[in-house]
Amino acid sequence: MTPEQRQKTLQATVSAVLGVPESSVTDDTSPDNVSGWDSVKHLNLVMALEEAFGTSFSPEETMDLTSAKLMRLILEEKGI
């Protein structure tokens, strides 16, 4: 997966789960600026990311997925 494909898939997944436009998903997207991002949405987002990228996240990684930037960095660390 190219970095561009990863970014597009990440944006689409975050958009679909959180109900925000894809164009508004940036590195700064986080629970601090997305009003509907609660604990249930967070778990839904983690599961959607696992499905979209064919991976799984450890409990520690799940807790660290608190912004689109951190999601991207964790996916990069996994070689995705």
PDB file of N, CA and C in Angstrom:
ATOM      1  N   MET A   1       0.857  -1.176   0.000  1.00  0.00           N
ATOM      2  CA  MET A   1       0.000   0.000   0.000  1.00  0.00           C
ATOM      3  C   MET A   1       0.901   1.236   0.000  1.00  0.00           C
ATOM      4  N   THR A   2       0.624   2.140  -0.917  1.00  0.00           N
ATOM      5  CA  THR A   2       1.409   3.369  -0.976  1.00  0.00           C
ATOM      6  C   THR A   2       0.976   4.318   0.146  1.00  0.00           C
ATOM      7  N   PRO A   3       1.816   5.275   0.482  1.00  0.00           N
ATOM      8  CA  PRO A   3       1.409   6.259   1.495  1.00  0.00           C
ATOM      9  C   PRO A   3       0.113   6.982   1.117  1.00  0.00           C
ATOM     10  N   GLU A   4      -0.072   7.240  -0.162  1.00  0.00           N
ATOM     11  CA  GLU A   4      -1.292   7.910  -0.616  1.00  0.00           C
ATOM     12  C   GLU A   4      -2.519   7.022  -0.420  1.00  0.00           C
ATOM     13  N   GLN A   5      -2.374   5.733  -0.740  1.00  0.00           N
ATOM     14  CA  GLN A   5      -3.476   4.795  -0.540  1.00  0.00           C
ATOM     15  C   GLN A   5      -3.806   4.642   0.939  1.00  0.00           C
ATOM     16  N   ARG A   6      -2.758   4.579   1.767  1.00  0.00           N
ATOM     17  CA  ARG A   6      -2.969   4.464   3.204  1.00  0.00           C
ATOM     18  C   ARG A   6      -3.724   5.686   3.721  1.00  0.00           C
ATOM     19  N   GLN A   7      -3.310   6.876   3.292  1.00  0.00           N
ATOM     20  CA  GLN A   7      -3.961   8.104   3.746  1.00  0.00           C
ATOM     21  C   GLN A   7      -5.419   8.149   3.299  1.00  0.00           C
ATOM     22  N   LYS A   8      -5.685   7.779   2.062  1.00  0.00           N
ATOM     23  CA  LYS A   8      -7.049   7.792   1.530  1.00  0.00           C
ATOM     24  C   LYS A   8      -7.933   6.796   2.290  1.00  0.00           C
ATOM     25  N   THR A   9      -7.408   5.593   2.552  1.00  0.00           N
ATOM     26  CA  THR A   9      -8.162   4.581   3.293  1.00  0.00           C
ATOM     27  C   THR A   9      -8.404   5.042   4.724  1.00  0.00           C
ATOM     28  N   LEU A  10      -7.395   5.654   5.328  1.00  0.00           N
ATOM     29  CA  LEU A  10      -7.540   6.170   6.688  1.00  0.00           C
ATOM     30  C   LEU A  10      -8.616   7.252   6.739  1.00  0.00           C
ATOM     31  N   GLN A  11      -8.562   8.186   5.809  1.00  0.00           N
ATOM     32  CA  GLN A  11      -9.562   9.255   5.773  1.00  0.00           C
ATOM     33  C   GLN A  11     -10.961   8.687   5.568  1.00  0.00           C
ATOM     34  N   ALA A  12     -11.103   7.756   4.655  1.00  0.00           N
ATOM     35  CA  ALA A  12     -12.413   7.173   4.370  1.00  0.00           C
ATOM     36  C   ALA A  12     -12.959   6.422   5.583  1.00  0.00           C
ATOM     37  N   THR A  13     -12.102   5.699   6.280  1.00  0.00           N
ATOM     38  CA  THR A  13     -12.530   4.919   7.442  1.00  0.00           C
ATOM     39  C   THR A  13     -12.944   5.833   8.590  1.00  0.00           C
ATOM     40  N   VAL A  14     -12.120   6.824   8.892  1.00  0.00           N
ATOM     41  CA  VAL A  14     -12.446   7.768   9.963  1.00  0.00           C
ATOM     42  C   VAL A  14     -13.739   8.511   9.629  1.00  0.00           C
ATOM     43  N   SER A  15     -13.876   8.923   8.387  1.00  0.00           N
ATOM     44  CA  SER A  15     -15.069   9.633   7.937  1.00  0.00           C
ATOM     45  C   SER A  15     -16.316   8.778   8.128  1.00  0.00           C
ATOM     46  N   ALA A  16     -16.245   7.522   7.704  1.00  0.00           N
ATOM     47  CA  ALA A  16     -17.409   6.637   7.776  1.00  0.00           C
ATOM     48  C   ALA A  16     -17.824   6.363   9.221  1.00  0.00           C
ATOM     49  N   VAL A  17     -16.864   6.128  10.091  1.00  0.00           N
ATOM     50  CA  VAL A  17     -17.188   5.778  11.476  1.00  0.00           C
ATOM     51  C   VAL A  17     -17.657   6.996  12.269  1.00  0.00           C
ATOM     52  N   LEU A  18     -16.993   8.124  12.070  1.00  0.00           N
ATOM     53  CA  LEU A  18     -17.303   9.305  12.879  1.00  0.00           C
ATOM     54  C   LEU A  18     -18.343  10.224  12.244  1.00  0.00           C
ATOM     55  N   GLY A  19     -18.710   9.942  10.991  1.00  0.00           N
ATOM     56  CA  GLY A  19     -19.735  10.742  10.333  1.00  0.00           C
ATOM     57  C   GLY A  19     -19.294  12.158  10.010  1.00  0.00           C
ATOM     58  N   VAL A  20     -18.021  12.302   9.639  1.00  0.00           N
ATOM     59  CA  VAL A  20     -17.503  13.610   9.223  1.00  0.00           C
ATOM     60  C   VAL A  20     -17.059  13.512   7.767  1.00  0.00           C
ATOM     61  N   PRO A  21     -17.022  14.645   7.050  1.00  0.00           N
ATOM     62  CA  PRO A  21     -16.573  14.590   5.656  1.00  0.00           C
ATOM     63  C   PRO A  21     -15.117  14.129   5.551  1.00  0.00           C
ATOM     64  N   GLU A  22     -14.817  13.337   4.528  1.00  0.00           N
ATOM     65  CA  GLU A  22     -13.445  12.878   4.318  1.00  0.00           C
ATOM     66  C   GLU A  22     -12.478  14.047   4.249  1.00  0.00           C
ATOM     67  N   SER A  23     -12.919  15.127   3.607  1.00  0.00           N
ATOM     68  CA  SER A  23     -12.042  16.282   3.427  1.00  0.00           C
ATOM     69  C   SER A  23     -11.680  16.954   4.752  1.00  0.00           C
ATOM     70  N   SER A  24     -12.450  16.681   5.804  1.00  0.00           N
ATOM     71  CA  SER A  24     -12.151  17.300   7.097  1.00  0.00           C
ATOM     72  C   SER A  24     -11.235  16.444   7.963  1.00  0.00           C
ATOM     73  N   VAL A  25     -10.903  15.247   7.508  1.00  0.00           N
ATOM     74  CA  VAL A  25     -10.033  14.363   8.271  1.00  0.00           C
ATOM     75  C   VAL A  25      -8.582  14.720   7.964  1.00  0.00           C
ATOM     76  N   THR A  26      -7.914  15.295   8.965  1.00  0.00           N
ATOM     77  CA  THR A  26      -6.514  15.688   8.851  1.00  0.00           C
ATOM     78  C   THR A  26      -5.736  15.059   9.999  1.00  0.00           C
ATOM     79  N   ASP A  27      -4.431  15.301  10.039  1.00  0.00           N
ATOM     80  CA  ASP A  27      -3.621  14.799  11.151  1.00  0.00           C
ATOM     81  C   ASP A  27      -4.147  15.279  12.490  1.00  0.00           C
ATOM     82  N   ASP A  28      -4.788  16.428  12.504  1.00  0.00           N
ATOM     83  CA  ASP A  28      -5.283  17.021  13.751  1.00  0.00           C
ATOM     84  C   ASP A  28      -6.623  16.457  14.208  1.00  0.00           C
ATOM     85  N   THR A  29      -7.265  15.624  13.403  1.00  0.00           N
ATOM     86  CA  THR A  29      -8.561  15.059  13.774  1.00  0.00           C
ATOM     87  C   THR A  29      -8.391  14.194  15.030  1.00  0.00           C
ATOM     88  N   SER A  30      -9.151  14.542  16.070  1.00  0.00           N
ATOM     89  CA  SER A  30      -9.037  13.845  17.349  1.00  0.00           C
ATOM     90  C   SER A  30     -10.335  14.012  18.136  1.00  0.00           C
ATOM     91  N   PRO A  31     -10.457  13.323  19.260  1.00  0.00           N
ATOM     92  CA  PRO A  31     -11.662  13.508  20.083  1.00  0.00           C
ATOM     93  C   PRO A  31     -11.828  14.955  20.552  1.00  0.00           C
ATOM     94  N   ASP A  32     -10.745  15.707  20.573  1.00  0.00           N
ATOM     95  CA  ASP A  32     -10.815  17.108  20.999  1.00  0.00           C
ATOM     96  C   ASP A  32     -11.602  17.980  20.033  1.00  0.00           C
ATOM     97  N   ASN A  33     -11.661  17.582  18.757  1.00  0.00           N
ATOM     98  CA  ASN A  33     -12.353  18.427  17.788  1.00  0.00           C
ATOM     99  C   ASN A  33     -13.420  17.701  16.969  1.00  0.00           C
ATOM    100  N   VAL A  34     -13.758  16.472  17.367  1.00  0.00           N
ATOM    101  CA  VAL A  34     -14.866  15.740  16.751  1.00  0.00           C
ATOM    102  C   VAL A  34     -15.841  15.401  17.870  1.00  0.00           C
ATOM    103  N   SER A  35     -16.958  16.084  17.869  1.00  0.00           N
ATOM    104  CA  SER A  35     -17.876  15.987  19.002  1.00  0.00           C
ATOM    105  C   SER A  35     -18.435  14.583  19.233  1.00  0.00           C
ATOM    106  N   GLY A  36     -18.603  13.788  18.203  1.00  0.00           N
ATOM    107  CA  GLY A  36     -19.192  12.466  18.376  1.00  0.00           C
ATOM    108  C   GLY A  36     -18.206  11.366  18.709  1.00  0.00           C
ATOM    109  N   TRP A  37     -16.930  11.707  18.881  1.00  0.00           N
ATOM    110  CA  TRP A  37     -15.891  10.698  19.114  1.00  0.00           C
ATOM    111  C   TRP A  37     -15.860  10.359  20.599  1.00  0.00           C
ATOM    112  N   ASP A  38     -16.660   9.371  20.981  1.00  0.00           N
ATOM    113  CA  ASP A  38     -16.700   8.919  22.364  1.00  0.00           C
ATOM    114  C   ASP A  38     -16.067   7.532  22.442  1.00  0.00           C
ATOM    115  N   SER A  39     -16.161   6.893  23.593  1.00  0.00           N
ATOM    116  CA  SER A  39     -15.498   5.604  23.776  1.00  0.00           C
ATOM    117  C   SER A  39     -16.055   4.514  22.868  1.00  0.00           C
ATOM    118  N   VAL A  40     -17.352   4.534  22.632  1.00  0.00           N
ATOM    119  CA  VAL A  40     -17.956   3.530  21.746  1.00  0.00           C
ATOM    120  C   VAL A  40     -17.500   3.763  20.305  1.00  0.00           C
ATOM    121  N   LYS A  41     -17.511   5.015  19.863  1.00  0.00           N
ATOM    122  CA  LYS A  41     -17.038   5.323  18.500  1.00  0.00           C
ATOM    123  C   LYS A  41     -15.565   4.970  18.365  1.00  0.00           C
ATOM    124  N   HIS A  42     -14.801   5.164  19.435  1.00  0.00           N
ATOM    125  CA  HIS A  42     -13.378   4.832  19.386  1.00  0.00           C
ATOM    126  C   HIS A  42     -13.201   3.337  19.125  1.00  0.00           C
ATOM    127  N   LEU A  43     -13.944   2.510  19.839  1.00  0.00           N
ATOM    128  CA  LEU A  43     -13.840   1.062  19.618  1.00  0.00           C
ATOM    129  C   LEU A  43     -14.308   0.690  18.216  1.00  0.00           C
ATOM    130  N   ASN A  44     -15.382   1.322  17.740  1.00  0.00           N
ATOM    131  CA  ASN A  44     -15.847   1.076  16.369  1.00  0.00           C
ATOM    132  C   ASN A  44     -14.782   1.482  15.360  1.00  0.00           C
ATOM    133  N   LEU A  45     -14.115   2.597  15.642  1.00  0.00           N
ATOM    134  CA  LEU A  45     -13.059   3.068  14.744  1.00  0.00           C
ATOM    135  C   LEU A  45     -11.889   2.099  14.730  1.00  0.00           C
ATOM    136  N   VAL A  46     -11.492   1.613  15.874  1.00  0.00           N
ATOM    137  CA  VAL A  46     -10.387   0.646  15.948  1.00  0.00           C
ATOM    138  C   VAL A  46     -10.739  -0.612  15.144  1.00  0.00           C
ATOM    139  N   MET A  47     -11.943  -1.127  15.327  1.00  0.00           N
ATOM    140  CA  MET A  47     -12.356  -2.329  14.583  1.00  0.00           C
ATOM    141  C   MET A  47     -12.411  -2.056  13.079  1.00  0.00           C
ATOM    142  N   ALA A  48     -12.895  -0.886  12.690  1.00  0.00           N
ATOM    143  CA  ALA A  48     -12.967  -0.535  11.266  1.00  0.00           C
ATOM    144  C   ALA A  48     -11.564  -0.404  10.678  1.00  0.00           C
ATOM    145  N   LEU A  49     -10.632   0.171  11.429  1.00  0.00           N
ATOM    146  CA  LEU A  49      -9.250   0.288  10.951  1.00  0.00           C
ATOM    147  C   LEU A  49      -8.614  -1.089  10.811  1.00  0.00           C
ATOM    148  N   GLU A  50      -8.868  -1.972  11.767  1.00  0.00           N
ATOM    149  CA  GLU A  50      -8.330  -3.331  11.679  1.00  0.00           C
ATOM    150  C   GLU A  50      -8.833  -4.025  10.419  1.00  0.00           C
ATOM    151  N   GLU A  51     -10.116  -3.863  10.127  1.00  0.00           N
ATOM    152  CA  GLU A  51     -10.687  -4.487   8.935  1.00  0.00           C
ATOM    153  C   GLU A  51     -10.148  -3.850   7.655  1.00  0.00           C
ATOM    154  N   ALA A  52     -10.104  -2.526   7.621  1.00  0.00           N
ATOM    155  CA  ALA A  52      -9.672  -1.817   6.416  1.00  0.00           C
ATOM    156  C   ALA A  52      -8.215  -2.089   6.070  1.00  0.00           C
ATOM    157  N   PHE A  53      -7.377  -2.274   7.099  1.00  0.00           N
ATOM    158  CA  PHE A  53      -5.949  -2.442   6.855  1.00  0.00           C
ATOM    159  C   PHE A  53      -5.466  -3.872   7.073  1.00  0.00           C
ATOM    160  N   GLY A  54      -6.371  -4.788   7.419  1.00  0.00           N
ATOM    161  CA  GLY A  54      -5.992  -6.189   7.582  1.00  0.00           C
ATOM    162  C   GLY A  54      -4.963  -6.398   8.680  1.00  0.00           C
ATOM    163  N   THR A  55      -5.157  -5.720   9.793  1.00  0.00           N
ATOM    164  CA  THR A  55      -4.218  -5.824  10.896  1.00  0.00           C
ATOM    165  C   THR A  55      -4.986  -5.895  12.207  1.00  0.00           C
ATOM    166  N   SER A  56      -4.266  -5.999  13.292  1.00  0.00           N
ATOM    167  CA  SER A  56      -4.889  -5.899  14.610  1.00  0.00           C
ATOM    168  C   SER A  56      -4.004  -5.008  15.462  1.00  0.00           C
ATOM    169  N   PHE A  57      -4.620  -4.392  16.453  1.00  0.00           N
ATOM    170  CA  PHE A  57      -3.913  -3.481  17.340  1.00  0.00           C
ATOM    171  C   PHE A  57      -3.868  -4.068  18.738  1.00  0.00           C
ATOM    172  N   SER A  58      -2.733  -3.896  19.389  1.00  0.00           N
ATOM    173  CA  SER A  58      -2.600  -4.317  20.784  1.00  0.00           C
ATOM    174  C   SER A  58      -3.427  -3.375  21.655  1.00  0.00           C
ATOM    175  N   PRO A  59      -3.694  -3.770  22.896  1.00  0.00           N
ATOM    176  CA  PRO A  59      -4.416  -2.859  23.796  1.00  0.00           C
ATOM    177  C   PRO A  59      -3.713  -1.502  23.931  1.00  0.00           C
ATOM    178  N   GLU A  60      -2.381  -1.519  23.974  1.00  0.00           N
ATOM    179  CA  GLU A  60      -1.635  -0.267  24.081  1.00  0.00           C
ATOM    180  C   GLU A  60      -1.824   0.593  22.834  1.00  0.00           C
ATOM    181  N   GLU A  61      -1.743  -0.036  21.667  1.00  0.00           N
ATOM    182  CA  GLU A  61      -1.945   0.707  20.418  1.00  0.00           C
ATOM    183  C   GLU A  61      -3.368   1.260  20.348  1.00  0.00           C
ATOM    184  N   THR A  62      -4.333   0.468  20.778  1.00  0.00           N
ATOM    185  CA  THR A  62      -5.727   0.915  20.769  1.00  0.00           C
ATOM    186  C   THR A  62      -5.887   2.191  21.580  1.00  0.00           C
ATOM    187  N   MET A  63      -5.232   2.262  22.714  1.00  0.00           N
ATOM    188  CA  MET A  63      -5.310   3.452  23.551  1.00  0.00           C
ATOM    189  C   MET A  63      -4.584   4.637  22.915  1.00  0.00           C
ATOM    190  N   ASP A  64      -3.582   4.359  22.070  1.00  0.00           N
ATOM    191  CA  ASP A  64      -2.794   5.426  21.439  1.00  0.00           C
ATOM    192  C   ASP A  64      -3.438   5.975  20.170  1.00  0.00           C
ATOM    193  N   LEU A  65      -4.480   5.334  19.668  1.00  0.00           N
ATOM    194  CA  LEU A  65      -5.114   5.776  18.420  1.00  0.00           C
ATOM    195  C   LEU A  65      -6.041   6.970  18.681  1.00  0.00           C
ATOM    196  N   THR A  66      -5.461   8.060  19.139  1.00  0.00           N
ATOM    197  CA  THR A  66      -6.258   9.204  19.572  1.00  0.00           C
ATOM    198  C   THR A  66      -6.237  10.385  18.611  1.00  0.00           C
ATOM    199  N   SER A  67      -5.652  10.195  17.449  1.00  0.00           N
ATOM    200  CA  SER A  67      -5.712  11.215  16.400  1.00  0.00           C
ATOM    201  C   SER A  67      -5.404  10.538  15.075  1.00  0.00           C
ATOM    202  N   ALA A  68      -5.801  11.179  14.002  1.00  0.00           N
ATOM    203  CA  ALA A  68      -5.516  10.612  12.682  1.00  0.00           C
ATOM    204  C   ALA A  68      -4.007  10.509  12.458  1.00  0.00           C
ATOM    205  N   LYS A  69      -3.247  11.467  12.992  1.00  0.00           N
ATOM    206  CA  LYS A  69      -1.794  11.421  12.847  1.00  0.00           C
ATOM    207  C   LYS A  69      -1.220  10.199  13.551  1.00  0.00           C
ATOM    208  N   LEU A  70      -1.663   9.943  14.780  1.00  0.00           N
ATOM    209  CA  LEU A  70      -1.161   8.776  15.507  1.00  0.00           C
ATOM    210  C   LEU A  70      -1.588   7.479  14.837  1.00  0.00           C
ATOM    211  N   MET A  71      -2.789   7.459  14.264  1.00  0.00           N
ATOM    212  CA  MET A  71      -3.226   6.281  13.516  1.00  0.00           C
ATOM    213  C   MET A  71      -2.285   6.020  12.351  1.00  0.00           C
ATOM    214  N   ARG A  72      -1.979   7.083  11.609  1.00  0.00           N
ATOM    215  CA  ARG A  72      -1.075   6.960  10.460  1.00  0.00           C
ATOM    216  C   ARG A  72       0.297   6.471  10.905  1.00  0.00           C
ATOM    217  N   LEU A  73       0.822   7.029  11.977  1.00  0.00           N
ATOM    218  CA  LEU A  73       2.153   6.641  12.449  1.00  0.00           C
ATOM    219  C   LEU A  73       2.178   5.185  12.912  1.00  0.00           C
ATOM    220  N   ILE A  74       1.160   4.750  13.613  1.00  0.00           N
ATOM    221  CA  ILE A  74       1.107   3.351  14.068  1.00  0.00           C
ATOM    222  C   ILE A  74       1.003   2.408  12.874  1.00  0.00           C
ATOM    223  N   LEU A  75       0.196   2.782  11.881  1.00  0.00           N
ATOM    224  CA  LEU A  75       0.109   1.960  10.673  1.00  0.00           C
ATOM    225  C   LEU A  75       1.454   1.908   9.958  1.00  0.00           C
ATOM    226  N   GLU A  76       2.158   3.035   9.901  1.00  0.00           N
ATOM    227  CA  GLU A  76       3.489   3.049   9.280  1.00  0.00           C
ATOM    228  C   GLU A  76       4.454   2.139  10.036  1.00  0.00           C
ATOM    229  N   GLU A  77       4.394   2.167  11.375  1.00  0.00           N
ATOM    230  CA  GLU A  77       5.251   1.302  12.175  1.00  0.00           C
ATOM    231  C   GLU A  77       4.979  -0.171  11.898  1.00  0.00           C
ATOM    232  N   LYS A  78       3.726  -0.496  11.575  1.00  0.00           N
ATOM    233  CA  LYS A  78       3.354  -1.875  11.259  1.00  0.00           C
ATOM    234  C   LYS A  78       3.734  -2.251   9.817  1.00  0.00           C
ATOM    235  N   GLY A  79       4.236  -1.276   9.061  1.00  0.00           N
ATOM    236  CA  GLY A  79       4.631  -1.538   7.681  1.00  0.00           C
ATOM    237  C   GLY A  79       3.475  -1.553   6.713  1.00  0.00           C
ATOM    238  N   ILE A  80       2.393  -0.897   7.088  1.00  0.00           N
ATOM    239  CA  ILE A  80       1.201  -0.855   6.236  1.00  0.00           C
ATOM    240  C   ILE A  80       1.193   0.439   5.454  1.00  0.00           C
TER     241      ILE A  80
END
